[in-house]
Amino acid sequence: MKKILFVDDEPQLVEMVKIRLEANNYEVILASDGEQALEKARGEKPDLIILDIMLPKMDGYKVCRMLKFDDKYSSIPVIMLTARSQKSEKSMGEEVGADAYIIKPFEPQMLLGKIKELLNES
């Protein structure tokens, strides 16, 4: 079973996405701030990370950058999730090594499709 680390500080969204992912046979690990996200990514070695940008303690860009520039974790695909849709935000996401960028509110099917694509499950 593939492991997904989902990092977001909005409880309703976390619950909705967790249920959806588990229904699709993914093991879900949760983190609600940037520091927790790094800790869990390093401790659990997930197969994929879904990362909100606006997080307490450390933003998603920094978390992504720290993981992508570490050889042990650089191969883990990262999907950035954000309510911000400006082009500059997206290019910042690309700069720190994000593999995909999804804007909130999003269609759960689209997120699942992107996960399957990044995990080569299609």
PDB file of N, CA and C in Angstrom:
ATOM      1  N   MET A   1       0.842  -1.193   0.000  1.00  0.00           N
ATOM      2  CA  MET A   1       0.000   0.000   0.000  1.00  0.00           C
ATOM      3  C   MET A   1       0.881   1.248   0.000  1.00  0.00           C
ATOM      4  N   LYS A   2       0.600   2.164  -0.914  1.00  0.00           N
ATOM      5  CA  LYS A   2       1.401   3.392  -1.011  1.00  0.00           C
ATOM      6  C   LYS A   2       1.038   4.347   0.123  1.00  0.00           C
ATOM      7  N   LYS A   3       2.083   5.021   0.616  1.00  0.00           N
ATOM      8  CA  LYS A   3       1.920   5.942   1.739  1.00  0.00           C
ATOM      9  C   LYS A   3       1.941   7.387   1.246  1.00  0.00           C
ATOM     10  N   ILE A   4       0.933   8.168   1.655  1.00  0.00           N
ATOM     11  CA  ILE A   4       0.876   9.573   1.265  1.00  0.00           C
ATOM     12  C   ILE A   4       0.893  10.453   2.511  1.00  0.00           C
ATOM     13  N   LEU A   5       1.799  11.412   2.520  1.00  0.00           N
ATOM     14  CA  LEU A   5       1.839  12.398   3.599  1.00  0.00           C
ATOM     15  C   LEU A   5       1.017  13.593   3.138  1.00  0.00           C
ATOM     16  N   PHE A   6      -0.040  13.917   3.898  1.00  0.00           N
ATOM     17  CA  PHE A   6      -0.900  15.046   3.556  1.00  0.00           C
ATOM     18  C   PHE A   6      -0.702  16.138   4.600  1.00  0.00           C
ATOM     19  N   VAL A   7      -0.256  17.308   4.133  1.00  0.00           N
ATOM     20  CA  VAL A   7       0.063  18.403   5.042  1.00  0.00           C
ATOM     21  C   VAL A   7      -0.859  19.591   4.787  1.00  0.00           C
ATOM     22  N   ASP A   8      -1.722  19.878   5.750  1.00  0.00           N
ATOM     23  CA  ASP A   8      -2.633  21.014   5.637  1.00  0.00           C
ATOM     24  C   ASP A   8      -3.123  21.365   7.034  1.00  0.00           C
ATOM     25  N   ASP A   9      -3.458  22.635   7.239  1.00  0.00           N
ATOM     26  CA  ASP A   9      -3.928  23.035   8.570  1.00  0.00           C
ATOM     27  C   ASP A   9      -5.420  23.340   8.597  1.00  0.00           C
ATOM     28  N   GLU A  10      -6.166  22.896   7.576  1.00  0.00           N
ATOM     29  CA  GLU A  10      -7.625  23.067   7.560  1.00  0.00           C
ATOM     30  C   GLU A  10      -8.271  21.717   7.862  1.00  0.00           C
ATOM     31  N   PRO A  11      -8.772  21.537   9.096  1.00  0.00           N
ATOM     32  CA  PRO A  11      -9.313  20.237   9.518  1.00  0.00           C
ATOM     33  C   PRO A  11     -10.362  19.630   8.586  1.00  0.00           C
ATOM     34  N   GLN A  12     -11.302  20.441   8.051  1.00  0.00           N
ATOM     35  CA  GLN A  12     -12.345  19.879   7.187  1.00  0.00           C
ATOM     36  C   GLN A  12     -11.743  19.311   5.907  1.00  0.00           C
ATOM     37  N   LEU A  13     -10.815  20.057   5.313  1.00  0.00           N
ATOM     38  CA  LEU A  13     -10.167  19.610   4.082  1.00  0.00           C
ATOM     39  C   LEU A  13      -9.353  18.344   4.344  1.00  0.00           C
ATOM     40  N   VAL A  14      -8.628  18.329   5.454  1.00  0.00           N
ATOM     41  CA  VAL A  14      -7.808  17.181   5.825  1.00  0.00           C
ATOM     42  C   VAL A  14      -8.683  15.933   5.919  1.00  0.00           C
ATOM     43  N   GLU A  15      -9.802  16.047   6.601  1.00  0.00           N
ATOM     44  CA  GLU A  15     -10.717  14.914   6.788  1.00  0.00           C
ATOM     45  C   GLU A  15     -11.254  14.424   5.443  1.00  0.00           C
ATOM     46  N   MET A  16     -11.691  15.367   4.587  1.00  0.00           N
ATOM     47  CA  MET A  16     -12.261  15.015   3.286  1.00  0.00           C
ATOM     48  C   MET A  16     -11.228  14.284   2.415  1.00  0.00           C
ATOM     49  N   VAL A  17     -10.021  14.836   2.333  1.00  0.00           N
ATOM     50  CA  VAL A  17      -8.976  14.250   1.488  1.00  0.00           C
ATOM     51  C   VAL A  17      -8.523  12.893   2.050  1.00  0.00           C
ATOM     52  N   LYS A  18      -8.387  12.812   3.373  1.00  0.00           N
ATOM     53  CA  LYS A  18      -7.970  11.563   4.021  1.00  0.00           C
ATOM     54  C   LYS A  18      -8.954  10.432   3.688  1.00  0.00           C
ATOM     55  N   ILE A  19     -10.249  10.704   3.828  1.00  0.00           N
ATOM     56  CA  ILE A  19     -11.279   9.702   3.534  1.00  0.00           C
ATOM     57  C   ILE A  19     -11.189   9.270   2.072  1.00  0.00           C
ATOM     58  N   ARG A  20     -11.029  10.251   1.193  1.00  0.00           N
ATOM     59  CA  ARG A  20     -10.959   9.973  -0.248  1.00  0.00           C
ATOM     60  C   ARG A  20      -9.725   9.110  -0.582  1.00  0.00           C
ATOM     61  N   LEU A  21      -8.606   9.453   0.010  1.00  0.00           N
ATOM     62  CA  LEU A  21      -7.364   8.702  -0.259  1.00  0.00           C
ATOM     63  C   LEU A  21      -7.450   7.278   0.289  1.00  0.00           C
ATOM     64  N   GLU A  22      -7.968   7.150   1.511  1.00  0.00           N
ATOM     65  CA  GLU A  22      -8.089   5.814   2.117  1.00  0.00           C
ATOM     66  C   GLU A  22      -9.051   4.932   1.317  1.00  0.00           C
ATOM     67  N   ALA A  23     -10.096   5.545   0.782  1.00  0.00           N
ATOM     68  CA  ALA A  23     -11.052   4.807  -0.043  1.00  0.00           C
ATOM     69  C   ALA A  23     -10.384   4.288  -1.320  1.00  0.00           C
ATOM     70  N   ASN A  24      -9.286   4.931  -1.701  1.00  0.00           N
ATOM     71  CA  ASN A  24      -8.536   4.514  -2.892  1.00  0.00           C
ATOM     72  C   ASN A  24      -7.278   3.716  -2.520  1.00  0.00           C
ATOM     73  N   ASN A  25      -7.323   3.126  -1.338  1.00  0.00           N
ATOM     74  CA  ASN A  25      -6.248   2.238  -0.861  1.00  0.00           C
ATOM     75  C   ASN A  25      -4.881   2.880  -0.664  1.00  0.00           C
ATOM     76  N   TYR A  26      -4.873   4.103  -0.174  1.00  0.00           N
ATOM     77  CA  TYR A  26      -3.605   4.726   0.204  1.00  0.00           C
ATOM     78  C   TYR A  26      -3.558   4.800   1.726  1.00  0.00           C
ATOM     79  N   GLU A  27      -2.368   4.628   2.270  1.00  0.00           N
ATOM     80  CA  GLU A  27      -2.170   4.848   3.698  1.00  0.00           C
ATOM     81  C   GLU A  27      -1.904   6.343   3.838  1.00  0.00           C
ATOM     82  N   VAL A  28      -2.585   7.006   4.776  1.00  0.00           N
ATOM     83  CA  VAL A  28      -2.444   8.453   4.901  1.00  0.00           C
ATOM     84  C   VAL A  28      -1.780   8.841   6.222  1.00  0.00           C
ATOM     85  N   ILE A  29      -0.738   9.651   6.106  1.00  0.00           N
ATOM     86  CA  ILE A  29      -0.048  10.207   7.270  1.00  0.00           C
ATOM     87  C   ILE A  29      -0.385  11.693   7.251  1.00  0.00           C
ATOM     88  N   LEU A  30      -0.686  12.277   8.409  1.00  0.00           N
ATOM     89  CA  LEU A  30      -1.080  13.682   8.443  1.00  0.00           C
ATOM     90  C   LEU A  30      -0.072  14.552   9.186  1.00  0.00           C
ATOM     91  N   ALA A  31       0.042  15.789   8.736  1.00  0.00           N
ATOM     92  CA  ALA A  31       0.823  16.799   9.448  1.00  0.00           C
ATOM     93  C   ALA A  31       0.089  18.120   9.267  1.00  0.00           C
ATOM     94  N   SER A  32       0.147  18.980  10.293  1.00  0.00           N
ATOM     95  CA  SER A  32      -0.605  20.233  10.200  1.00  0.00           C
ATOM     96  C   SER A  32       0.277  21.477  10.180  1.00  0.00           C
ATOM     97  N   ASP A  33       1.603  21.296  10.249  1.00  0.00           N
ATOM     98  CA  ASP A  33       2.485  22.450  10.089  1.00  0.00           C
ATOM     99  C   ASP A  33       3.774  22.011   9.391  1.00  0.00           C
ATOM    100  N   GLY A  34       4.575  22.976   8.999  1.00  0.00           N
ATOM    101  CA  GLY A  34       5.768  22.691   8.229  1.00  0.00           C
ATOM    102  C   GLY A  34       6.809  21.849   8.943  1.00  0.00           C
ATOM    103  N   GLU A  35       6.996  22.101  10.233  1.00  0.00           N
ATOM    104  CA  GLU A  35       7.996  21.342  10.989  1.00  0.00           C
ATOM    105  C   GLU A  35       7.594  19.874  11.102  1.00  0.00           C
ATOM    106  N   GLN A  36       6.297  19.664  11.403  1.00  0.00           N
ATOM    107  CA  GLN A  36       5.753  18.299  11.483  1.00  0.00           C
ATOM    108  C   GLN A  36       5.900  17.597  10.141  1.00  0.00           C
ATOM    109  N   ALA A  37       5.657  18.344   9.069  1.00  0.00           N
ATOM    110  CA  ALA A  37       5.740  17.786   7.719  1.00  0.00           C
ATOM    111  C   ALA A  37       7.143  17.239   7.451  1.00  0.00           C
ATOM    112  N   LEU A  38       8.164  18.017   7.774  1.00  0.00           N
ATOM    113  CA  LEU A  38       9.550  17.578   7.560  1.00  0.00           C
ATOM    114  C   LEU A  38       9.871  16.349   8.395  1.00  0.00           C
ATOM    115  N   GLU A  39       9.472  16.404   9.664  1.00  0.00           N
ATOM    116  CA  GLU A  39       9.703  15.306  10.593  1.00  0.00           C
ATOM    117  C   GLU A  39       9.087  14.007  10.071  1.00  0.00           C
ATOM    118  N   LYS A  40       7.814  14.096   9.651  1.00  0.00           N
ATOM    119  CA  LYS A  40       7.105  12.897   9.186  1.00  0.00           C
ATOM    120  C   LYS A  40       7.632  12.430   7.838  1.00  0.00           C
ATOM    121  N   ALA A  41       8.005  13.360   6.966  1.00  0.00           N
ATOM    122  CA  ALA A  41       8.561  12.966   5.666  1.00  0.00           C
ATOM    123  C   ALA A  41       9.851  12.187   5.874  1.00  0.00           C
ATOM    124  N   ARG A  42      10.672  12.672   6.801  1.00  0.00           N
ATOM    125  CA  ARG A  42      11.959  12.007   7.058  1.00  0.00           C
ATOM    126  C   ARG A  42      11.777  10.699   7.815  1.00  0.00           C
ATOM    127  N   GLY A  43      10.816  10.650   8.727  1.00  0.00           N
ATOM    128  CA  GLY A  43      10.608   9.459   9.538  1.00  0.00           C
ATOM    129  C   GLY A  43       9.835   8.361   8.834  1.00  0.00           C
ATOM    130  N   GLU A  44       8.860   8.738   8.026  1.00  0.00           N
ATOM    131  CA  GLU A  44       7.958   7.757   7.413  1.00  0.00           C
ATOM    132  C   GLU A  44       8.309   7.429   5.960  1.00  0.00           C
ATOM    133  N   LYS A  45       9.134   8.252   5.326  1.00  0.00           N
ATOM    134  CA  LYS A  45       9.485   8.086   3.898  1.00  0.00           C
ATOM    135  C   LYS A  45       8.241   7.778   3.043  1.00  0.00           C
ATOM    136  N   PRO A  46       7.321   8.730   2.928  1.00  0.00           N
ATOM    137  CA  PRO A  46       6.103   8.480   2.138  1.00  0.00           C
ATOM    138  C   PRO A  46       6.423   8.328   0.647  1.00  0.00           C
ATOM    139  N   ASP A  47       5.470   7.752  -0.104  1.00  0.00           N
ATOM    140  CA  ASP A  47       5.651   7.588  -1.550  1.00  0.00           C
ATOM    141  C   ASP A  47       5.329   8.882  -2.279  1.00  0.00           C
ATOM    142  N   LEU A  48       4.540   9.756  -1.619  1.00  0.00           N
ATOM    143  CA  LEU A  48       4.139  11.016  -2.229  1.00  0.00           C
ATOM    144  C   LEU A  48       3.738  11.983  -1.114  1.00  0.00           C
ATOM    145  N   ILE A  49       3.913  13.277  -1.370  1.00  0.00           N
ATOM    146  CA  ILE A  49       3.548  14.291  -0.378  1.00  0.00           C
ATOM    147  C   ILE A  49       2.605  15.301  -1.014  1.00  0.00           C
ATOM    148  N   ILE A  50       1.500  15.572  -0.328  1.00  0.00           N
ATOM    149  CA  ILE A  50       0.590  16.645  -0.744  1.00  0.00           C
ATOM    150  C   ILE A  50       0.796  17.746   0.281  1.00  0.00           C
ATOM    151  N   LEU A  51       1.205  18.909  -0.194  1.00  0.00           N
ATOM    152  CA  LEU A  51       1.701  19.947   0.688  1.00  0.00           C
ATOM    153  C   LEU A  51       1.004  21.283   0.473  1.00  0.00           C
ATOM    154  N   ASP A  52       0.372  21.784   1.514  1.00  0.00           N
ATOM    155  CA  ASP A  52      -0.227  23.122   1.463  1.00  0.00           C
ATOM    156  C   ASP A  52       0.926  24.131   1.519  1.00  0.00           C
ATOM    157  N   ILE A  53       0.721  25.311   0.955  1.00  0.00           N
ATOM    158  CA  ILE A  53       1.783  26.323   0.991  1.00  0.00           C
ATOM    159  C   ILE A  53       1.714  27.156   2.268  1.00  0.00           C
ATOM    160  N   MET A  54       0.515  27.618   2.599  1.00  0.00           N
ATOM    161  CA  MET A  54       0.340  28.457   3.785  1.00  0.00           C
ATOM    162  C   MET A  54       0.217  27.578   5.024  1.00  0.00           C
ATOM    163  N   LEU A  55       1.335  27.398   5.732  1.00  0.00           N
ATOM    164  CA  LEU A  55       1.344  26.527   6.908  1.00  0.00           C
ATOM    165  C   LEU A  55       1.957  27.246   8.098  1.00  0.00           C
ATOM    166  N   PRO A  56       1.541  26.861   9.315  1.00  0.00           N
ATOM    167  CA  PRO A  56       2.202  27.411  10.507  1.00  0.00           C
ATOM    168  C   PRO A  56       3.645  26.913  10.599  1.00  0.00           C
ATOM    169  N   LYS A  57       4.484  27.639  11.303  1.00  0.00           N
ATOM    170  CA  LYS A  57       5.888  27.304  11.608  1.00  0.00           C
ATOM    171  C   LYS A  57       6.860  27.352  10.428  1.00  0.00           C
ATOM    172  N   MET A  58       6.476  26.779   9.276  1.00  0.00           N
ATOM    173  CA  MET A  58       7.359  26.788   8.108  1.00  0.00           C
ATOM    174  C   MET A  58       6.477  26.597   6.881  1.00  0.00           C
ATOM    175  N   ASP A  59       6.621  27.465   5.865  1.00  0.00           N
ATOM    176  CA  ASP A  59       5.704  27.332   4.726  1.00  0.00           C
ATOM    177  C   ASP A  59       6.067  26.141   3.823  1.00  0.00           C
ATOM    178  N   GLY A  60       5.110  25.790   2.979  1.00  0.00           N
ATOM    179  CA  GLY A  60       5.261  24.630   2.105  1.00  0.00           C
ATOM    180  C   GLY A  60       6.441  24.735   1.153  1.00  0.00           C
ATOM    181  N   TYR A  61       6.739  25.956   0.705  1.00  0.00           N
ATOM    182  CA  TYR A  61       7.881  26.135  -0.195  1.00  0.00           C
ATOM    183  C   TYR A  61       9.172  25.680   0.476  1.00  0.00           C
ATOM    184  N   LYS A  62       9.333  26.093   1.728  1.00  0.00           N
ATOM    185  CA  LYS A  62      10.554  25.772   2.461  1.00  0.00           C
ATOM    186  C   LYS A  62      10.646  24.262   2.714  1.00  0.00           C
ATOM    187  N   VAL A  63       9.514  23.661   3.096  1.00  0.00           N
ATOM    188  CA  VAL A  63       9.475  22.218   3.326  1.00  0.00           C
ATOM    189  C   VAL A  63       9.875  21.485   2.047  1.00  0.00           C
ATOM    190  N   CYS A  64       9.264  21.888   0.939  1.00  0.00           N
ATOM    191  CA  CYS A  64       9.536  21.248  -0.348  1.00  0.00           C
ATOM    192  C   CYS A  64      11.012  21.401  -0.714  1.00  0.00           C
ATOM    193  N   ARG A  65      11.532  22.603  -0.573  1.00  0.00           N
ATOM    194  CA  ARG A  65      12.930  22.867  -0.918  1.00  0.00           C
ATOM    195  C   ARG A  65      13.863  21.984  -0.087  1.00  0.00           C
ATOM    196  N   MET A  66      13.602  21.905   1.223  1.00  0.00           N
ATOM    197  CA  MET A  66      14.476  21.120   2.100  1.00  0.00           C
ATOM    198  C   MET A  66      14.466  19.634   1.744  1.00  0.00           C
ATOM    199  N   LEU A  67      13.306  19.130   1.335  1.00  0.00           N
ATOM    200  CA  LEU A  67      13.225  17.720   0.952  1.00  0.00           C
ATOM    201  C   LEU A  67      13.847  17.475  -0.416  1.00  0.00           C
ATOM    202  N   LYS A  68      13.560  18.365  -1.360  1.00  0.00           N
ATOM    203  CA  LYS A  68      14.050  18.180  -2.736  1.00  0.00           C
ATOM    204  C   LYS A  68      15.563  18.348  -2.854  1.00  0.00           C
ATOM    205  N   PHE A  69      16.173  19.089  -1.914  1.00  0.00           N
ATOM    206  CA  PHE A  69      17.616  19.280  -1.989  1.00  0.00           C
ATOM    207  C   PHE A  69      18.377  18.290  -1.107  1.00  0.00           C
ATOM    208  N   ASP A  70      17.639  17.289  -0.597  1.00  0.00           N
ATOM    209  CA  ASP A  70      18.246  16.240   0.207  1.00  0.00           C
ATOM    210  C   ASP A  70      18.141  14.948  -0.604  1.00  0.00           C
ATOM    211  N   ASP A  71      19.284  14.369  -0.960  1.00  0.00           N
ATOM    212  CA  ASP A  71      19.294  13.178  -1.821  1.00  0.00           C
ATOM    213  C   ASP A  71      18.408  12.040  -1.327  1.00  0.00           C
ATOM    214  N   LYS A  72      18.263  11.919  -0.003  1.00  0.00           N
ATOM    215  CA  LYS A  72      17.449  10.832   0.550  1.00  0.00           C
ATOM    216  C   LYS A  72      15.971  10.983   0.205  1.00  0.00           C
ATOM    217  N   TYR A  73      15.525  12.229  -0.001  1.00  0.00           N
ATOM    218  CA  TYR A  73      14.085  12.469  -0.180  1.00  0.00           C
ATOM    219  C   TYR A  73      13.730  13.128  -1.505  1.00  0.00           C
ATOM    220  N   SER A  74      14.730  13.460  -2.306  1.00  0.00           N
ATOM    221  CA  SER A  74      14.479  14.241  -3.518  1.00  0.00           C
ATOM    222  C   SER A  74      13.594  13.530  -4.545  1.00  0.00           C
ATOM    223  N   SER A  75      13.534  12.185  -4.458  1.00  0.00           N
ATOM    224  CA  SER A  75      12.740  11.453  -5.447  1.00  0.00           C
ATOM    225  C   SER A  75      11.259  11.350  -5.063  1.00  0.00           C
ATOM    226  N   ILE A  76      10.889  11.796  -3.855  1.00  0.00           N
ATOM    227  CA  ILE A  76       9.481  11.741  -3.436  1.00  0.00           C
ATOM    228  C   ILE A  76       8.711  12.838  -4.185  1.00  0.00           C
ATOM    229  N   PRO A  77       7.680  12.452  -4.959  1.00  0.00           N
ATOM    230  CA  PRO A  77       6.903  13.474  -5.669  1.00  0.00           C
ATOM    231  C   PRO A  77       6.146  14.362  -4.680  1.00  0.00           C
ATOM    232  N   VAL A  78       6.102  15.674  -4.985  1.00  0.00           N
ATOM    233  CA  VAL A  78       5.401  16.632  -4.129  1.00  0.00           C
ATOM    234  C   VAL A  78       4.340  17.363  -4.950  1.00  0.00           C
ATOM    235  N   ILE A  79       3.111  17.330  -4.438  1.00  0.00           N
ATOM    236  CA  ILE A  79       2.024  18.106  -5.041  1.00  0.00           C
ATOM    237  C   ILE A  79       1.781  19.298  -4.127  1.00  0.00           C
ATOM    238  N   MET A  80       1.982  20.508  -4.649  1.00  0.00           N
ATOM    239  CA  MET A  80       1.701  21.711  -3.871  1.00  0.00           C
ATOM    240  C   MET A  80       0.204  22.000  -3.993  1.00  0.00           C
ATOM    241  N   LEU A  81      -0.401  22.319  -2.866  1.00  0.00           N
ATOM    242  CA  LEU A  81      -1.831  22.597  -2.812  1.00  0.00           C
ATOM    243  C   LEU A  81      -1.986  24.002  -2.273  1.00  0.00           C
ATOM    244  N   THR A  82      -2.715  24.870  -2.994  1.00  0.00           N
ATOM    245  CA  THR A  82      -2.826  26.233  -2.503  1.00  0.00           C
ATOM    246  C   THR A  82      -4.073  26.940  -2.958  1.00  0.00           C
ATOM    247  N   ALA A  83      -4.453  27.951  -2.182  1.00  0.00           N
ATOM    248  CA  ALA A  83      -5.582  28.790  -2.564  1.00  0.00           C
ATOM    249  C   ALA A  83      -5.080  29.934  -3.452  1.00  0.00           C
ATOM    250  N   ARG A  84      -3.762  30.079  -3.546  1.00  0.00           N
ATOM    251  CA  ARG A  84      -3.186  31.161  -4.341  1.00  0.00           C
ATOM    252  C   ARG A  84      -2.990  30.709  -5.781  1.00  0.00           C
ATOM    253  N   SER A  85      -3.470  31.509  -6.712  1.00  0.00           N
ATOM    254  CA  SER A  85      -3.398  31.057  -8.101  1.00  0.00           C
ATOM    255  C   SER A  85      -2.508  31.932  -8.990  1.00  0.00           C
ATOM    256  N   GLN A  86      -1.781  32.889  -8.415  1.00  0.00           N
ATOM    257  CA  GLN A  86      -0.919  33.739  -9.233  1.00  0.00           C
ATOM    258  C   GLN A  86       0.191  32.926  -9.886  1.00  0.00           C
ATOM    259  N   LYS A  87       0.600  33.393 -11.055  1.00  0.00           N
ATOM    260  CA  LYS A  87       1.688  32.747 -11.788  1.00  0.00           C
ATOM    261  C   LYS A  87       2.976  32.688 -10.967  1.00  0.00           C
ATOM    262  N   SER A  88       3.246  33.766 -10.216  1.00  0.00           N
ATOM    263  CA  SER A  88       4.480  33.828  -9.430  1.00  0.00           C
ATOM    264  C   SER A  88       4.516  32.719  -8.381  1.00  0.00           C
ATOM    265  N   GLU A  89       3.340  32.383  -7.839  1.00  0.00           N
ATOM    266  CA  GLU A  89       3.247  31.308  -6.846  1.00  0.00           C
ATOM    267  C   GLU A  89       3.627  29.977  -7.496  1.00  0.00           C
ATOM    268  N   LYS A  90       3.098  29.780  -8.698  1.00  0.00           N
ATOM    269  CA  LYS A  90       3.342  28.527  -9.404  1.00  0.00           C
ATOM    270  C   LYS A  90       4.826  28.392  -9.762  1.00  0.00           C
ATOM    271  N   SER A  91       5.421  29.478 -10.226  1.00  0.00           N
ATOM    272  CA  SER A  91       6.835  29.375 -10.606  1.00  0.00           C
ATOM    273  C   SER A  91       7.711  29.190  -9.375  1.00  0.00           C
ATOM    274  N   MET A  92       7.282  29.737  -8.241  1.00  0.00           N
ATOM    275  CA  MET A  92       7.994  29.520  -6.990  1.00  0.00           C
ATOM    276  C   MET A  92       7.928  28.031  -6.628  1.00  0.00           C
ATOM    277  N   GLY A  93       6.770  27.436  -6.821  1.00  0.00           N
ATOM    278  CA  GLY A  93       6.577  26.006  -6.564  1.00  0.00           C
ATOM    279  C   GLY A  93       7.499  25.170  -7.433  1.00  0.00           C
ATOM    280  N   GLU A  94       7.621  25.558  -8.706  1.00  0.00           N
ATOM    281  CA  GLU A  94       8.499  24.833  -9.624  1.00  0.00           C
ATOM    282  C   GLU A  94       9.957  24.995  -9.207  1.00  0.00           C
ATOM    283  N   GLU A  95      10.281  26.213  -8.767  1.00  0.00           N
ATOM    284  CA  GLU A  95      11.644  26.516  -8.348  1.00  0.00           C
ATOM    285  C   GLU A  95      12.104  25.642  -7.182  1.00  0.00           C
ATOM    286  N   VAL A  96      11.206  25.382  -6.234  1.00  0.00           N
ATOM    287  CA  VAL A  96      11.589  24.571  -5.070  1.00  0.00           C
ATOM    288  C   VAL A  96      11.460  23.073  -5.347  1.00  0.00           C
ATOM    289  N   GLY A  97      11.060  22.726  -6.575  1.00  0.00           N
ATOM    290  CA  GLY A  97      11.061  21.329  -6.976  1.00  0.00           C
ATOM    291  C   GLY A  97       9.730  20.596  -6.926  1.00  0.00           C
ATOM    292  N   ALA A  98       8.615  21.325  -6.748  1.00  0.00           N
ATOM    293  CA  ALA A  98       7.307  20.661  -6.710  1.00  0.00           C
ATOM    294  C   ALA A  98       7.038  19.961  -8.042  1.00  0.00           C
ATOM    295  N   ASP A  99       6.402  18.798  -7.979  1.00  0.00           N
ATOM    296  CA  ASP A  99       6.125  18.029  -9.188  1.00  0.00           C
ATOM    297  C   ASP A  99       4.778  18.398  -9.798  1.00  0.00           C
ATOM    298  N   ALA A 100       3.897  18.978  -8.991  1.00  0.00           N
ATOM    299  CA  ALA A 100       2.582  19.379  -9.483  1.00  0.00           C
ATOM    300  C   ALA A 100       2.058  20.497  -8.594  1.00  0.00           C
ATOM    301  N   TYR A 101       1.069  21.211  -9.121  1.00  0.00           N
ATOM    302  CA  TYR A 101       0.552  22.383  -8.430  1.00  0.00           C
ATOM    303  C   TYR A 101      -0.960  22.372  -8.596  1.00  0.00           C
ATOM    304  N   ILE A 102      -1.691  22.227  -7.514  1.00  0.00           N
ATOM    305  CA  ILE A 102      -3.156  22.176  -7.588  1.00  0.00           C
ATOM    306  C   ILE A 102      -3.749  23.312  -6.768  1.00  0.00           C
ATOM    307  N   ILE A 103      -4.700  24.017  -7.386  1.00  0.00           N
ATOM    308  CA  ILE A 103      -5.293  25.188  -6.742  1.00  0.00           C
ATOM    309  C   ILE A 103      -6.610  24.819  -6.051  1.00  0.00           C
ATOM    310  N   LYS A 104      -6.741  25.279  -4.793  1.00  0.00           N
ATOM    311  CA  LYS A 104      -7.981  25.074  -4.023  1.00  0.00           C
ATOM    312  C   LYS A 104      -9.020  26.104  -4.469  1.00  0.00           C
ATOM    313  N   PRO A 105     -10.299  25.812  -4.420  1.00  0.00           N
ATOM    314  CA  PRO A 105     -10.872  24.484  -4.209  1.00  0.00           C
ATOM    315  C   PRO A 105     -10.597  23.618  -5.446  1.00  0.00           C
ATOM    316  N   PHE A 106     -10.395  22.329  -5.236  1.00  0.00           N
ATOM    317  CA  PHE A 106     -10.062  21.441  -6.338  1.00  0.00           C
ATOM    318  C   PHE A 106     -11.035  20.283  -6.401  1.00  0.00           C
ATOM    319  N   GLU A 107     -11.048  19.633  -7.534  1.00  0.00           N
ATOM    320  CA  GLU A 107     -11.895  18.474  -7.757  1.00  0.00           C
ATOM    321  C   GLU A 107     -11.139  17.242  -7.252  1.00  0.00           C
ATOM    322  N   PRO A 108     -11.691  16.497  -6.267  1.00  0.00           N
ATOM    323  CA  PRO A 108     -10.989  15.331  -5.726  1.00  0.00           C
ATOM    324  C   PRO A 108     -10.491  14.360  -6.801  1.00  0.00           C
ATOM    325  N   GLN A 109     -11.283  14.177  -7.863  1.00  0.00           N
ATOM    326  CA  GLN A 109     -10.868  13.266  -8.940  1.00  0.00           C
ATOM    327  C   GLN A 109      -9.589  13.741  -9.618  1.00  0.00           C
ATOM    328  N   MET A 110      -9.462  15.063  -9.734  1.00  0.00           N
ATOM    329  CA  MET A 110      -8.272  15.625 -10.368  1.00  0.00           C
ATOM    330  C   MET A 110      -7.045  15.336  -9.504  1.00  0.00           C
ATOM    331  N   LEU A 111      -7.204  15.498  -8.185  1.00  0.00           N
ATOM    332  CA  LEU A 111      -6.107  15.216  -7.256  1.00  0.00           C
ATOM    333  C   LEU A 111      -5.711  13.732  -7.351  1.00  0.00           C
ATOM    334  N   LEU A 112      -6.707  12.850  -7.334  1.00  0.00           N
ATOM    335  CA  LEU A 112      -6.429  11.412  -7.438  1.00  0.00           C
ATOM    336  C   LEU A 112      -5.731  11.071  -8.746  1.00  0.00           C
ATOM    337  N   GLY A 113      -6.153  11.708  -9.820  1.00  0.00           N
ATOM    338  CA  GLY A 113      -5.532  11.483 -11.128  1.00  0.00           C
ATOM    339  C   GLY A 113      -4.070  11.877 -11.107  1.00  0.00           C
ATOM    340  N   LYS A 114      -3.775  13.011 -10.493  1.00  0.00           N
ATOM    341  CA  LYS A 114      -2.399  13.513 -10.410  1.00  0.00           C
ATOM    342  C   LYS A 114      -1.555  12.579  -9.545  1.00  0.00           C
ATOM    343  N   ILE A 115      -2.126  12.085  -8.442  1.00  0.00           N
ATOM    344  CA  ILE A 115      -1.412  11.152  -7.564  1.00  0.00           C
ATOM    345  C   ILE A 115      -1.053   9.883  -8.336  1.00  0.00           C
ATOM    346  N   LYS A 116      -2.041   9.310  -9.036  1.00  0.00           N
ATOM    347  CA  LYS A 116      -1.802   8.083  -9.802  1.00  0.00           C
ATOM    348  C   LYS A 116      -0.727   8.313 -10.857  1.00  0.00           C
ATOM    349  N   GLU A 117      -0.784   9.461 -11.514  1.00  0.00           N
ATOM    350  CA  GLU A 117       0.199   9.792 -12.556  1.00  0.00           C
ATOM    351  C   GLU A 117       1.615   9.865 -11.948  1.00  0.00           C
ATOM    352  N   LEU A 118       1.750  10.578 -10.826  1.00  0.00           N
ATOM    353  CA  LEU A 118       3.060  10.733 -10.207  1.00  0.00           C
ATOM    354  C   LEU A 118       3.602   9.432  -9.605  1.00  0.00           C
ATOM    355  N   LEU A 119       2.691   8.552  -9.214  1.00  0.00           N
ATOM    356  CA  LEU A 119       3.122   7.260  -8.658  1.00  0.00           C
ATOM    357  C   LEU A 119       3.181   6.170  -9.732  1.00  0.00           C
ATOM    358  N   ASN A 120       3.004   6.597 -10.986  1.00  0.00           N
ATOM    359  CA  ASN A 120       2.991   5.663 -12.131  1.00  0.00           C
ATOM    360  C   ASN A 120       1.997   4.516 -11.959  1.00  0.00           C
ATOM    361  N   GLU A 121       0.787   4.861 -11.519  1.00  0.00           N
ATOM    362  CA  GLU A 121      -0.235   3.815 -11.304  1.00  0.00           C
ATOM    363  C   GLU A 121      -1.321   3.816 -12.362  1.00  0.00           C
ATOM    364  N   SER A 122      -1.207   4.696 -13.339  1.00  0.00           N
ATOM    365  CA  SER A 122      -2.320   4.799 -14.290  1.00  0.00           C
ATOM    366  C   SER A 122      -2.448   3.583 -15.193  1.00  0.00           C
TER     367      SER A 122
END
